[in-house]
Amino acid sequence: MGAVWRSGPMMADDRKTDDPELTAPLGAVHHLNEAQLERLEQVFRRWFDEAPNTHLRRVRGRYWITFVVLRFTGAKIGEILRINDAENIDYKNIEIQVPLSGSMNRRMRYRRVPVQREVVNEIARYLAEFPRMRGSVFGLEQGNFRRKFYRRATEARIPQELAHPHILRHTRAMELVQAGVPLPVVQELLGHSVIEHTARYLGLRATEASIRAILVERGLL
């Protein structure tokens, strides 16, 4: 994969409204801007590509793949690290089955998240190069991933308060909302239990009841 991918516009929401609840700044939720996200992707990719030997390329590749899936699903890091690449990657339908938080191994529940073709292709390329990693690509220790993420973010000149994996969840959510994806769809993709959690990406700060009323009025529910 050469160029950094773009999955949709990262621009201000162009919907017009006189409602102060809906004109609250989108920056109310911390997220990466387009330039920061591009730098972070490039630094992570270069770190993988410049591995000095096969062993380090295999190791770094797992962190790179985890980063890519984290970035394009908007899932939590704990969910991503429970993915079984041998079972949960749907190459035909270009979807990833993300284990739901709190579901147990014997009764695992999932949500299906569509991704770009290039995301599943990247996984396939890694497994073609390292076939023995099949079934364990995402089996990283969360603390190790956080440390690697922080180092790459520092290299990419990401502010310290944004240099954590969860920032990719916020960033993906903002991408979807700003691209005009209906809020209930964003809710389902992120796995939010209630729509009010998703509504904060619109900058809403009202009570749960008034948030729901605003969303219904604006045709978002």
N, C-alpha and C. Protein backbone atom coordinates (compact mmCIF):
# COMPACT_ATOMS: atom_id res chain seq x y z
N MET A 1 0.85 -1.18 0.00
CA MET A 1 0.00 0.00 0.00
C MET A 1 0.88 1.22 0.00
N GLY A 2 0.71 2.07 -0.98
CA GLY A 2 1.56 3.23 -1.09
C GLY A 2 1.02 4.44 -0.36
N ALA A 3 0.00 5.04 -0.94
CA ALA A 3 -0.50 6.30 -0.39
C ALA A 3 -1.35 6.06 0.85
N VAL A 4 -1.41 7.09 1.68
CA VAL A 4 -2.31 7.04 2.83
C VAL A 4 -3.74 7.12 2.31
N TRP A 5 -4.62 6.29 2.85
CA TRP A 5 -5.99 6.23 2.34
C TRP A 5 -6.81 7.35 2.94
N ARG A 6 -7.85 7.70 2.23
CA ARG A 6 -8.85 8.61 2.78
C ARG A 6 -10.19 7.92 2.65
N SER A 7 -10.93 7.88 3.74
CA SER A 7 -12.20 7.17 3.73
C SER A 7 -13.39 8.10 3.60
N GLY A 8 -13.18 9.38 3.62
CA GLY A 8 -14.29 10.30 3.52
C GLY A 8 -13.83 11.68 3.92
N PRO A 9 -14.62 12.68 3.64
CA PRO A 9 -14.20 14.05 3.91
C PRO A 9 -14.09 14.32 5.39
N MET A 10 -13.11 15.12 5.78
CA MET A 10 -13.02 15.61 7.14
C MET A 10 -13.17 17.12 7.04
N MET A 11 -14.41 17.56 7.01
CA MET A 11 -14.67 18.98 6.84
C MET A 11 -15.81 19.38 7.76
N ALA A 12 -15.98 20.66 7.94
CA ALA A 12 -17.05 21.13 8.82
C ALA A 12 -18.39 20.70 8.26
N ASP A 13 -19.31 20.36 9.18
CA ASP A 13 -20.65 19.96 8.77
C ASP A 13 -21.33 21.16 8.11
N ASP A 14 -21.84 20.98 6.89
CA ASP A 14 -22.40 22.11 6.17
C ASP A 14 -23.91 22.21 6.30
N ARG A 15 -24.48 21.44 7.24
CA ARG A 15 -25.92 21.58 7.46
C ARG A 15 -26.21 22.93 8.09
N LYS A 16 -27.29 23.58 7.65
CA LYS A 16 -27.66 24.89 8.16
C LYS A 16 -28.73 24.73 9.22
N THR A 17 -28.55 25.40 10.35
CA THR A 17 -29.55 25.34 11.40
C THR A 17 -29.40 26.56 12.29
N ASP A 18 -30.54 27.05 12.80
CA ASP A 18 -30.52 28.16 13.75
C ASP A 18 -30.57 27.65 15.18
N ASP A 19 -30.63 26.36 15.36
CA ASP A 19 -30.73 25.76 16.68
C ASP A 19 -29.37 25.80 17.37
N PRO A 20 -29.23 26.50 18.51
CA PRO A 20 -27.93 26.59 19.18
C PRO A 20 -27.41 25.25 19.64
N GLU A 21 -28.32 24.30 19.90
CA GLU A 21 -27.86 22.98 20.33
C GLU A 21 -27.07 22.30 19.23
N LEU A 22 -27.44 22.55 17.97
CA LEU A 22 -26.77 21.89 16.86
C LEU A 22 -25.64 22.72 16.27
N THR A 23 -25.48 23.95 16.76
CA THR A 23 -24.37 24.76 16.26
C THR A 23 -23.23 24.81 17.26
N ALA A 24 -23.30 23.98 18.30
CA ALA A 24 -22.18 23.87 19.23
C ALA A 24 -20.97 23.34 18.48
N PRO A 25 -19.76 23.76 18.86
CA PRO A 25 -18.57 23.37 18.10
C PRO A 25 -18.33 21.88 18.10
N LEU A 26 -17.99 21.33 16.92
CA LEU A 26 -17.66 19.91 16.83
C LEU A 26 -16.42 19.58 17.64
N GLY A 27 -15.58 20.59 17.91
CA GLY A 27 -14.37 20.35 18.68
C GLY A 27 -14.63 19.99 20.13
N ALA A 28 -15.93 19.94 20.54
CA ALA A 28 -16.25 19.55 21.91
C ALA A 28 -15.71 18.17 22.21
N VAL A 29 -15.57 17.32 21.21
CA VAL A 29 -14.97 16.00 21.36
C VAL A 29 -13.57 16.05 20.75
N HIS A 30 -12.57 15.71 21.55
CA HIS A 30 -11.20 15.73 21.04
C HIS A 30 -11.04 14.69 19.93
N HIS A 31 -10.39 15.09 18.86
CA HIS A 31 -10.13 14.18 17.75
C HIS A 31 -8.97 14.74 16.93
N LEU A 32 -8.42 13.92 16.06
CA LEU A 32 -7.33 14.35 15.20
C LEU A 32 -7.88 15.11 14.00
N ASN A 33 -7.19 16.17 13.61
CA ASN A 33 -7.57 16.82 12.37
C ASN A 33 -6.95 16.06 11.20
N GLU A 34 -7.28 16.49 9.99
CA GLU A 34 -6.85 15.74 8.81
C GLU A 34 -5.33 15.65 8.70
N ALA A 35 -4.64 16.75 8.97
CA ALA A 35 -3.17 16.76 8.86
C ALA A 35 -2.54 15.86 9.91
N GLN A 36 -3.06 15.89 11.12
CA GLN A 36 -2.52 15.04 12.19
C GLN A 36 -2.73 13.57 11.86
N LEU A 37 -3.92 13.24 11.38
CA LEU A 37 -4.22 11.86 11.05
C LEU A 37 -3.32 11.36 9.93
N GLU A 38 -3.11 12.18 8.92
CA GLU A 38 -2.25 11.78 7.81
C GLU A 38 -0.81 11.56 8.28
N ARG A 39 -0.31 12.45 9.14
CA ARG A 39 1.06 12.28 9.66
C ARG A 39 1.18 11.00 10.45
N LEU A 40 0.18 10.71 11.29
CA LEU A 40 0.23 9.51 12.11
C LEU A 40 0.22 8.26 11.25
N GLU A 41 -0.63 8.22 10.23
CA GLU A 41 -0.68 7.07 9.32
C GLU A 41 0.66 6.88 8.62
N GLN A 42 1.23 7.97 8.16
CA GLN A 42 2.50 7.89 7.44
C GLN A 42 3.62 7.40 8.34
N VAL A 43 3.67 7.89 9.58
CA VAL A 43 4.72 7.47 10.51
C VAL A 43 4.58 5.99 10.84
N PHE A 44 3.35 5.53 11.09
CA PHE A 44 3.13 4.11 11.39
C PHE A 44 3.53 3.25 10.20
N ARG A 45 3.14 3.67 9.02
CA ARG A 45 3.45 2.90 7.81
C ARG A 45 4.95 2.83 7.59
N ARG A 46 5.63 3.95 7.76
CA ARG A 46 7.08 3.99 7.54
C ARG A 46 7.81 3.12 8.57
N TRP A 47 7.33 3.14 9.81
CA TRP A 47 7.93 2.32 10.87
C TRP A 47 7.87 0.84 10.50
N PHE A 48 6.75 0.43 9.91
CA PHE A 48 6.60 -0.95 9.45
C PHE A 48 7.48 -1.21 8.24
N ASP A 49 7.41 -0.36 7.25
CA ASP A 49 8.16 -0.56 6.00
C ASP A 49 9.66 -0.57 6.21
N GLU A 50 10.15 0.16 7.19
CA GLU A 50 11.59 0.29 7.39
C GLU A 50 12.15 -0.68 8.43
N ALA A 51 11.38 -1.72 8.75
CA ALA A 51 11.89 -2.75 9.67
C ALA A 51 13.17 -3.33 9.09
N PRO A 52 14.25 -3.41 9.88
CA PRO A 52 15.55 -3.81 9.34
C PRO A 52 15.71 -5.29 9.04
N ASN A 53 14.79 -6.14 9.53
CA ASN A 53 14.91 -7.56 9.26
C ASN A 53 13.52 -8.20 9.28
N THR A 54 13.48 -9.47 8.86
CA THR A 54 12.20 -10.17 8.74
C THR A 54 11.49 -10.30 10.07
N HIS A 55 12.24 -10.60 11.12
CA HIS A 55 11.62 -10.75 12.45
C HIS A 55 10.92 -9.47 12.87
N LEU A 56 11.60 -8.33 12.76
CA LEU A 56 10.99 -7.07 13.17
C LEU A 56 9.85 -6.68 12.23
N ARG A 57 9.95 -7.05 10.97
CA ARG A 57 8.85 -6.75 10.04
C ARG A 57 7.60 -7.54 10.44
N ARG A 58 7.79 -8.80 10.84
CA ARG A 58 6.64 -9.60 11.30
C ARG A 58 6.03 -8.99 12.55
N VAL A 59 6.88 -8.59 13.50
CA VAL A 59 6.38 -8.01 14.75
C VAL A 59 5.71 -6.66 14.50
N ARG A 60 6.39 -5.79 13.80
CA ARG A 60 5.83 -4.46 13.54
C ARG A 60 4.57 -4.52 12.69
N GLY A 61 4.51 -5.52 11.82
CA GLY A 61 3.34 -5.66 10.98
C GLY A 61 2.07 -5.87 11.77
N ARG A 62 2.16 -6.56 12.89
CA ARG A 62 0.98 -6.79 13.73
C ARG A 62 0.48 -5.46 14.30
N TYR A 63 1.42 -4.61 14.71
CA TYR A 63 1.03 -3.30 15.25
C TYR A 63 0.45 -2.41 14.15
N TRP A 64 1.03 -2.50 12.97
CA TRP A 64 0.53 -1.72 11.83
C TRP A 64 -0.88 -2.15 11.46
N ILE A 65 -1.11 -3.46 11.35
CA ILE A 65 -2.45 -3.97 11.01
C ILE A 65 -3.46 -3.56 12.08
N THR A 66 -3.07 -3.68 13.33
CA THR A 66 -3.96 -3.30 14.43
C THR A 66 -4.30 -1.82 14.34
N PHE A 67 -3.31 -1.01 14.04
CA PHE A 67 -3.54 0.43 13.88
C PHE A 67 -4.54 0.69 12.75
N VAL A 68 -4.34 0.04 11.61
CA VAL A 68 -5.22 0.26 10.45
C VAL A 68 -6.66 -0.12 10.77
N VAL A 69 -6.85 -1.27 11.39
CA VAL A 69 -8.21 -1.72 11.72
C VAL A 69 -8.83 -0.81 12.77
N LEU A 70 -8.04 -0.40 13.74
CA LEU A 70 -8.51 0.53 14.76
C LEU A 70 -8.97 1.84 14.12
N ARG A 71 -8.16 2.32 13.19
CA ARG A 71 -8.43 3.61 12.56
C ARG A 71 -9.70 3.58 11.70
N PHE A 72 -9.95 2.47 10.98
CA PHE A 72 -11.06 2.44 10.03
C PHE A 72 -12.33 1.78 10.56
N THR A 73 -12.29 1.20 11.76
CA THR A 73 -13.52 0.67 12.35
C THR A 73 -14.08 1.59 13.43
N GLY A 74 -13.22 2.40 14.04
CA GLY A 74 -13.67 3.22 15.15
C GLY A 74 -13.95 2.41 16.40
N ALA A 75 -13.45 1.19 16.44
CA ALA A 75 -13.68 0.32 17.59
C ALA A 75 -12.74 0.68 18.74
N LYS A 76 -13.00 0.12 19.90
CA LYS A 76 -12.13 0.29 21.05
C LYS A 76 -10.94 -0.64 20.91
N ILE A 77 -9.81 -0.27 21.49
CA ILE A 77 -8.62 -1.10 21.37
C ILE A 77 -8.86 -2.48 21.99
N GLY A 78 -9.60 -2.53 23.11
CA GLY A 78 -9.89 -3.82 23.73
C GLY A 78 -10.70 -4.73 22.83
N GLU A 79 -11.57 -4.16 22.00
CA GLU A 79 -12.36 -4.94 21.06
C GLU A 79 -11.48 -5.46 19.93
N ILE A 80 -10.63 -4.59 19.40
CA ILE A 80 -9.77 -4.98 18.28
C ILE A 80 -8.84 -6.12 18.67
N LEU A 81 -8.31 -6.07 19.87
CA LEU A 81 -7.34 -7.09 20.29
C LEU A 81 -8.00 -8.45 20.53
N ARG A 82 -9.33 -8.51 20.46
CA ARG A 82 -10.05 -9.78 20.60
C ARG A 82 -10.46 -10.36 19.25
N ILE A 83 -10.14 -9.66 18.18
CA ILE A 83 -10.47 -10.15 16.84
C ILE A 83 -9.61 -11.36 16.51
N ASN A 84 -10.24 -12.39 15.96
CA ASN A 84 -9.52 -13.55 15.43
C ASN A 84 -9.47 -13.38 13.91
N ASP A 85 -8.29 -13.10 13.38
CA ASP A 85 -8.19 -12.81 11.95
C ASP A 85 -8.57 -14.00 11.08
N ALA A 86 -8.55 -15.20 11.65
CA ALA A 86 -8.91 -16.39 10.88
C ALA A 86 -10.43 -16.56 10.77
N GLU A 87 -11.18 -15.86 11.63
CA GLU A 87 -12.62 -16.05 11.68
C GLU A 87 -13.43 -14.76 11.48
N ASN A 88 -12.88 -13.64 11.87
CA ASN A 88 -13.67 -12.40 11.94
C ASN A 88 -13.42 -11.42 10.80
N ILE A 89 -12.60 -11.79 9.82
CA ILE A 89 -12.38 -10.93 8.66
C ILE A 89 -13.16 -11.49 7.48
N ASP A 90 -14.14 -10.75 7.01
CA ASP A 90 -14.98 -11.17 5.89
C ASP A 90 -14.43 -10.52 4.62
N TYR A 91 -13.59 -11.26 3.90
CA TYR A 91 -12.95 -10.71 2.71
C TYR A 91 -13.95 -10.53 1.57
N LYS A 92 -14.97 -11.37 1.52
CA LYS A 92 -15.95 -11.29 0.44
C LYS A 92 -16.82 -10.05 0.57
N ASN A 93 -17.35 -9.82 1.77
CA ASN A 93 -18.25 -8.68 1.99
C ASN A 93 -17.52 -7.43 2.47
N ILE A 94 -16.22 -7.55 2.62
CA ILE A 94 -15.36 -6.43 3.04
C ILE A 94 -15.84 -5.87 4.38
N GLU A 95 -15.97 -6.74 5.34
CA GLU A 95 -16.43 -6.37 6.68
C GLU A 95 -15.52 -7.02 7.73
N ILE A 96 -15.54 -6.42 8.90
CA ILE A 96 -14.83 -7.00 10.04
C ILE A 96 -15.83 -7.20 11.16
N GLN A 97 -15.83 -8.40 11.73
CA GLN A 97 -16.68 -8.68 12.88
C GLN A 97 -15.93 -8.23 14.13
N VAL A 98 -16.47 -7.22 14.78
CA VAL A 98 -15.82 -6.67 15.97
C VAL A 98 -16.50 -7.24 17.21
N PRO A 99 -15.75 -7.94 18.08
CA PRO A 99 -16.35 -8.48 19.30
C PRO A 99 -16.89 -7.36 20.17
N LEU A 100 -18.10 -7.53 20.67
CA LEU A 100 -18.70 -6.51 21.51
C LEU A 100 -18.06 -6.51 22.88
N SER A 101 -17.86 -5.33 23.43
CA SER A 101 -17.30 -5.21 24.78
C SER A 101 -18.21 -5.93 25.77
N GLY A 102 -17.61 -6.69 26.65
CA GLY A 102 -18.38 -7.38 27.69
C GLY A 102 -18.84 -8.76 27.31
N SER A 103 -18.81 -9.13 26.03
CA SER A 103 -19.23 -10.48 25.64
C SER A 103 -18.11 -11.47 25.94
N MET A 104 -18.51 -12.64 26.41
CA MET A 104 -17.54 -13.65 26.83
C MET A 104 -17.14 -14.52 25.65
N ASN A 105 -15.99 -15.17 25.78
CA ASN A 105 -15.45 -15.97 24.67
C ASN A 105 -16.41 -17.06 24.21
N ARG A 106 -17.09 -17.71 25.15
CA ARG A 106 -17.98 -18.82 24.77
C ARG A 106 -19.27 -18.31 24.13
N ARG A 107 -19.64 -17.08 24.43
CA ARG A 107 -20.86 -16.51 23.86
C ARG A 107 -20.53 -15.15 23.26
N MET A 108 -19.53 -15.14 22.44
CA MET A 108 -19.06 -13.90 21.84
C MET A 108 -20.13 -13.32 20.93
N ARG A 109 -20.39 -12.04 21.08
CA ARG A 109 -21.30 -11.32 20.21
C ARG A 109 -20.50 -10.29 19.42
N TYR A 110 -20.97 -10.01 18.21
CA TYR A 110 -20.20 -9.16 17.31
C TYR A 110 -21.09 -8.09 16.69
N ARG A 111 -20.45 -7.04 16.21
CA ARG A 111 -21.10 -6.11 15.29
C ARG A 111 -20.27 -6.12 14.01
N ARG A 112 -20.93 -6.03 12.89
CA ARG A 112 -20.27 -6.09 11.59
C ARG A 112 -19.99 -4.67 11.12
N VAL A 113 -18.72 -4.38 10.84
CA VAL A 113 -18.32 -3.03 10.45
C VAL A 113 -17.74 -3.07 9.04
N PRO A 114 -18.38 -2.43 8.08
CA PRO A 114 -17.82 -2.35 6.72
C PRO A 114 -16.54 -1.51 6.73
N VAL A 115 -15.57 -1.91 5.93
CA VAL A 115 -14.32 -1.16 5.83
C VAL A 115 -13.94 -1.03 4.35
N GLN A 116 -12.89 -0.27 4.09
CA GLN A 116 -12.39 -0.17 2.72
C GLN A 116 -11.79 -1.50 2.29
N ARG A 117 -11.86 -1.76 1.00
CA ARG A 117 -11.23 -2.96 0.45
C ARG A 117 -9.75 -3.02 0.81
N GLU A 118 -9.08 -1.87 0.81
CA GLU A 118 -7.65 -1.83 1.09
C GLU A 118 -7.33 -2.29 2.51
N VAL A 119 -8.27 -2.16 3.43
CA VAL A 119 -8.04 -2.61 4.81
C VAL A 119 -7.91 -4.13 4.86
N VAL A 120 -8.86 -4.85 4.25
CA VAL A 120 -8.78 -6.30 4.26
C VAL A 120 -7.65 -6.78 3.36
N ASN A 121 -7.35 -6.03 2.31
CA ASN A 121 -6.21 -6.39 1.46
C ASN A 121 -4.90 -6.29 2.24
N GLU A 122 -4.80 -5.30 3.09
CA GLU A 122 -3.59 -5.14 3.89
C GLU A 122 -3.40 -6.33 4.83
N ILE A 123 -4.49 -6.79 5.41
CA ILE A 123 -4.44 -7.98 6.28
C ILE A 123 -4.02 -9.19 5.46
N ALA A 124 -4.62 -9.34 4.28
CA ALA A 124 -4.31 -10.48 3.42
C ALA A 124 -2.85 -10.48 3.00
N ARG A 125 -2.31 -9.30 2.68
CA ARG A 125 -0.90 -9.22 2.28
C ARG A 125 0.03 -9.61 3.43
N TYR A 126 -0.31 -9.17 4.61
CA TYR A 126 0.52 -9.52 5.77
C TYR A 126 0.52 -11.03 6.00
N LEU A 127 -0.67 -11.64 5.92
CA LEU A 127 -0.77 -13.08 6.15
C LEU A 127 -0.13 -13.88 5.02
N ALA A 128 -0.12 -13.34 3.81
CA ALA A 128 0.57 -14.01 2.71
C ALA A 128 2.07 -14.01 2.96
N GLU A 129 2.56 -12.96 3.57
CA GLU A 129 3.99 -12.85 3.88
C GLU A 129 4.36 -13.65 5.12
N PHE A 130 3.43 -13.70 6.08
CA PHE A 130 3.69 -14.41 7.33
C PHE A 130 2.52 -15.35 7.65
N PRO A 131 2.37 -16.43 6.90
CA PRO A 131 1.20 -17.31 7.05
C PRO A 131 1.09 -17.95 8.43
N ARG A 132 2.20 -18.10 9.14
CA ARG A 132 2.14 -18.71 10.46
C ARG A 132 1.47 -17.79 11.50
N MET A 133 1.26 -16.55 11.14
CA MET A 133 0.61 -15.62 12.06
C MET A 133 -0.91 -15.71 11.97
N ARG A 134 -1.41 -16.52 11.06
CA ARG A 134 -2.86 -16.64 10.89
C ARG A 134 -3.51 -17.04 12.22
N GLY A 135 -4.52 -16.29 12.61
CA GLY A 135 -5.24 -16.56 13.85
C GLY A 135 -4.70 -15.82 15.06
N SER A 136 -3.57 -15.13 14.90
CA SER A 136 -2.98 -14.45 16.07
C SER A 136 -2.46 -13.05 15.76
N VAL A 137 -2.86 -12.49 14.63
CA VAL A 137 -2.36 -11.16 14.25
C VAL A 137 -2.69 -10.12 15.31
N PHE A 138 -3.90 -10.16 15.85
CA PHE A 138 -4.34 -9.12 16.78
C PHE A 138 -4.09 -9.47 18.24
N GLY A 139 -3.43 -10.58 18.50
CA GLY A 139 -3.22 -11.02 19.88
C GLY A 139 -2.09 -10.29 20.57
N LEU A 140 -2.15 -8.98 20.59
CA LEU A 140 -1.13 -8.15 21.23
C LEU A 140 -1.51 -7.82 22.67
N GLU A 141 -0.51 -7.50 23.46
CA GLU A 141 -0.77 -7.02 24.82
C GLU A 141 -1.13 -5.54 24.72
N GLN A 142 -2.24 -5.17 25.35
CA GLN A 142 -2.75 -3.81 25.18
C GLN A 142 -1.74 -2.74 25.61
N GLY A 143 -1.04 -2.99 26.71
CA GLY A 143 -0.05 -2.02 27.17
C GLY A 143 1.06 -1.82 26.16
N ASN A 144 1.49 -2.90 25.51
CA ASN A 144 2.52 -2.78 24.48
C ASN A 144 2.04 -1.95 23.30
N PHE A 145 0.79 -2.20 22.89
CA PHE A 145 0.26 -1.42 21.76
C PHE A 145 0.17 0.06 22.12
N ARG A 146 -0.27 0.35 23.34
CA ARG A 146 -0.37 1.75 23.75
C ARG A 146 0.99 2.44 23.73
N ARG A 147 2.01 1.73 24.17
CA ARG A 147 3.35 2.32 24.16
C ARG A 147 3.84 2.56 22.74
N LYS A 148 3.63 1.59 21.85
CA LYS A 148 4.04 1.77 20.46
C LYS A 148 3.26 2.92 19.81
N PHE A 149 1.98 2.99 20.12
CA PHE A 149 1.14 4.05 19.57
C PHE A 149 1.65 5.41 20.03
N TYR A 150 1.95 5.53 21.30
CA TYR A 150 2.41 6.81 21.85
C TYR A 150 3.71 7.25 21.17
N ARG A 151 4.61 6.31 20.95
CA ARG A 151 5.88 6.65 20.30
C ARG A 151 5.68 7.12 18.87
N ARG A 152 4.82 6.42 18.14
CA ARG A 152 4.56 6.84 16.77
C ARG A 152 3.85 8.21 16.75
N ALA A 153 2.93 8.40 17.69
CA ALA A 153 2.22 9.67 17.76
C ALA A 153 3.17 10.82 18.09
N THR A 154 4.13 10.55 18.97
CA THR A 154 5.12 11.57 19.30
C THR A 154 5.95 11.92 18.08
N GLU A 155 6.35 10.90 17.31
CA GLU A 155 7.10 11.14 16.07
C GLU A 155 6.28 11.97 15.09
N ALA A 156 4.98 11.76 15.10
CA ALA A 156 4.08 12.47 14.18
C ALA A 156 3.67 13.85 14.70
N ARG A 157 4.24 14.26 15.81
CA ARG A 157 3.98 15.56 16.42
C ARG A 157 2.52 15.72 16.82
N ILE A 158 1.96 14.64 17.33
CA ILE A 158 0.60 14.68 17.86
C ILE A 158 0.66 15.20 19.29
N PRO A 159 -0.17 16.16 19.69
CA PRO A 159 -0.16 16.64 21.07
C PRO A 159 -0.35 15.49 22.06
N GLN A 160 0.30 15.59 23.20
CA GLN A 160 0.31 14.49 24.16
C GLN A 160 -1.09 14.07 24.57
N GLU A 161 -1.99 15.04 24.71
CA GLU A 161 -3.34 14.70 25.17
C GLU A 161 -4.13 13.94 24.11
N LEU A 162 -3.64 13.90 22.88
CA LEU A 162 -4.31 13.16 21.81
C LEU A 162 -3.57 11.88 21.44
N ALA A 163 -2.46 11.61 22.10
CA ALA A 163 -1.58 10.50 21.71
C ALA A 163 -1.96 9.20 22.40
N HIS A 164 -3.19 8.74 22.15
CA HIS A 164 -3.65 7.47 22.72
C HIS A 164 -4.58 6.79 21.71
N PRO A 165 -4.68 5.46 21.75
CA PRO A 165 -5.47 4.74 20.74
C PRO A 165 -6.93 5.17 20.64
N HIS A 166 -7.54 5.56 21.77
CA HIS A 166 -8.96 5.89 21.75
C HIS A 166 -9.25 7.12 20.89
N ILE A 167 -8.22 7.92 20.62
CA ILE A 167 -8.43 9.10 19.79
C ILE A 167 -8.86 8.72 18.38
N LEU A 168 -8.48 7.51 17.93
CA LEU A 168 -8.89 7.07 16.60
C LEU A 168 -10.38 6.77 16.56
N ARG A 169 -10.94 6.34 17.67
CA ARG A 169 -12.39 6.10 17.74
C ARG A 169 -13.13 7.44 17.60
N HIS A 170 -12.68 8.44 18.34
CA HIS A 170 -13.31 9.75 18.22
C HIS A 170 -13.14 10.32 16.82
N THR A 171 -11.96 10.13 16.26
CA THR A 171 -11.68 10.68 14.93
C THR A 171 -12.55 10.03 13.87
N ARG A 172 -12.70 8.70 13.94
CA ARG A 172 -13.55 8.00 12.97
C ARG A 172 -15.00 8.44 13.12
N ALA A 173 -15.45 8.58 14.36
CA ALA A 173 -16.82 9.02 14.59
C ALA A 173 -17.07 10.40 13.99
N MET A 174 -16.12 11.30 14.18
CA MET A 174 -16.26 12.65 13.62
C MET A 174 -16.27 12.61 12.10
N GLU A 175 -15.44 11.75 11.50
CA GLU A 175 -15.44 11.59 10.05
C GLU A 175 -16.83 11.20 9.56
N LEU A 176 -17.41 10.21 10.20
CA LEU A 176 -18.71 9.70 9.78
C LEU A 176 -19.80 10.75 9.92
N VAL A 177 -19.82 11.42 11.07
CA VAL A 177 -20.83 12.44 11.32
C VAL A 177 -20.68 13.60 10.35
N GLN A 178 -19.45 14.06 10.14
CA GLN A 178 -19.22 15.19 9.26
C GLN A 178 -19.50 14.84 7.80
N ALA A 179 -19.43 13.55 7.47
CA ALA A 179 -19.73 13.12 6.11
C ALA A 179 -21.22 12.93 5.88
N GLY A 180 -22.02 13.16 6.93
CA GLY A 180 -23.46 13.07 6.79
C GLY A 180 -24.05 11.69 7.02
N VAL A 181 -23.28 10.76 7.58
CA VAL A 181 -23.81 9.43 7.89
C VAL A 181 -24.87 9.59 8.99
N PRO A 182 -26.07 9.02 8.82
CA PRO A 182 -27.12 9.15 9.83
C PRO A 182 -26.64 8.69 11.21
N LEU A 183 -27.05 9.41 12.23
CA LEU A 183 -26.57 9.13 13.58
C LEU A 183 -26.85 7.70 14.05
N PRO A 184 -28.04 7.12 13.76
CA PRO A 184 -28.26 5.74 14.18
C PRO A 184 -27.28 4.76 13.53
N VAL A 185 -26.83 5.05 12.31
CA VAL A 185 -25.84 4.20 11.65
C VAL A 185 -24.50 4.33 12.36
N VAL A 186 -24.12 5.57 12.69
CA VAL A 186 -22.87 5.78 13.43
C VAL A 186 -22.94 5.07 14.78
N GLN A 187 -24.09 5.15 15.43
CA GLN A 187 -24.28 4.48 16.71
C GLN A 187 -24.03 2.98 16.58
N GLU A 188 -24.59 2.38 15.54
CA GLU A 188 -24.43 0.94 15.33
C GLU A 188 -22.98 0.57 15.02
N LEU A 189 -22.32 1.38 14.20
CA LEU A 189 -20.93 1.09 13.83
C LEU A 189 -20.00 1.18 15.04
N LEU A 190 -20.26 2.15 15.91
CA LEU A 190 -19.41 2.34 17.08
C LEU A 190 -19.79 1.41 18.23
N GLY A 191 -21.00 0.86 18.19
CA GLY A 191 -21.43 -0.02 19.27
C GLY A 191 -21.93 0.72 20.49
N HIS A 192 -22.39 1.96 20.31
CA HIS A 192 -22.93 2.72 21.44
C HIS A 192 -24.27 2.12 21.86
N SER A 193 -24.47 2.02 23.16
CA SER A 193 -25.72 1.43 23.65
C SER A 193 -26.89 2.39 23.52
N VAL A 194 -26.63 3.71 23.60
CA VAL A 194 -27.70 4.70 23.48
C VAL A 194 -27.26 5.79 22.51
N ILE A 195 -28.23 6.38 21.83
CA ILE A 195 -27.94 7.38 20.80
C ILE A 195 -27.31 8.64 21.39
N GLU A 196 -27.57 8.92 22.68
CA GLU A 196 -27.03 10.13 23.29
C GLU A 196 -25.51 10.12 23.32
N HIS A 197 -24.91 8.93 23.43
CA HIS A 197 -23.45 8.85 23.39
C HIS A 197 -22.93 9.29 22.03
N THR A 198 -23.64 8.91 20.99
CA THR A 198 -23.23 9.26 19.64
C THR A 198 -23.48 10.74 19.35
N ALA A 199 -24.53 11.29 19.95
CA ALA A 199 -24.92 12.67 19.67
C ALA A 199 -23.87 13.69 20.11
N ARG A 200 -22.99 13.32 21.01
CA ARG A 200 -21.99 14.29 21.46
C ARG A 200 -21.05 14.69 20.32
N TYR A 201 -20.97 13.84 19.28
CA TYR A 201 -20.11 14.20 18.14
C TYR A 201 -20.72 15.32 17.31
N LEU A 202 -21.98 15.65 17.60
CA LEU A 202 -22.60 16.82 16.99
C LEU A 202 -22.41 18.05 17.87
N GLY A 203 -21.76 17.87 19.02
CA GLY A 203 -21.56 18.98 19.94
C GLY A 203 -22.75 19.22 20.85
N LEU A 204 -23.68 18.27 20.93
CA LEU A 204 -24.87 18.44 21.76
C LEU A 204 -24.51 18.32 23.24
N ARG A 205 -25.04 19.23 24.04
CA ARG A 205 -24.73 19.22 25.46
C ARG A 205 -26.01 19.25 26.31
N ALA A 206 -27.14 19.00 25.71
CA ALA A 206 -28.40 19.05 26.44
C ALA A 206 -28.62 17.76 27.21
N THR A 207 -29.79 17.65 27.87
CA THR A 207 -30.13 16.43 28.57
C THR A 207 -30.43 15.34 27.55
N GLU A 208 -30.45 14.09 28.02
CA GLU A 208 -30.72 12.98 27.11
C GLU A 208 -32.06 13.15 26.42
N ALA A 209 -33.07 13.60 27.17
CA ALA A 209 -34.41 13.75 26.58
C ALA A 209 -34.42 14.82 25.50
N SER A 210 -33.78 15.96 25.78
CA SER A 210 -33.80 17.04 24.79
C SER A 210 -32.93 16.71 23.58
N ILE A 211 -31.84 15.97 23.80
CA ILE A 211 -31.01 15.53 22.67
C ILE A 211 -31.84 14.68 21.72
N ARG A 212 -32.57 13.74 22.28
CA ARG A 212 -33.39 12.86 21.44
C ARG A 212 -34.43 13.68 20.68
N ALA A 213 -35.04 14.65 21.34
CA ALA A 213 -36.06 15.48 20.69
C ALA A 213 -35.45 16.28 19.54
N ILE A 214 -34.25 16.83 19.75
CA ILE A 214 -33.58 17.60 18.71
C ILE A 214 -33.28 16.71 17.50
N LEU A 215 -32.78 15.51 17.77
CA LEU A 215 -32.42 14.60 16.69
C LEU A 215 -33.65 14.17 15.89
N VAL A 216 -34.76 13.94 16.58
CA VAL A 216 -36.00 13.58 15.89
C VAL A 216 -36.46 14.75 15.02
N GLU A 217 -36.41 15.95 15.58
CA GLU A 217 -36.85 17.14 14.84
C GLU A 217 -36.03 17.37 13.58
N ARG A 218 -34.73 17.08 13.68
CA ARG A 218 -33.84 17.31 12.54
C ARG A 218 -33.77 16.13 11.58
N GLY A 219 -34.59 15.12 11.83
CA GLY A 219 -34.62 13.98 10.92
C GLY A 219 -33.43 13.05 11.05
N LEU A 220 -32.75 13.09 12.19
CA LEU A 220 -31.58 12.24 12.40
C LEU A 220 -31.93 10.95 13.12
N LEU A 221 -33.17 10.83 13.57
CA LEU A 221 -33.63 9.60 14.20
C LEU A 221 -34.93 9.15 13.54
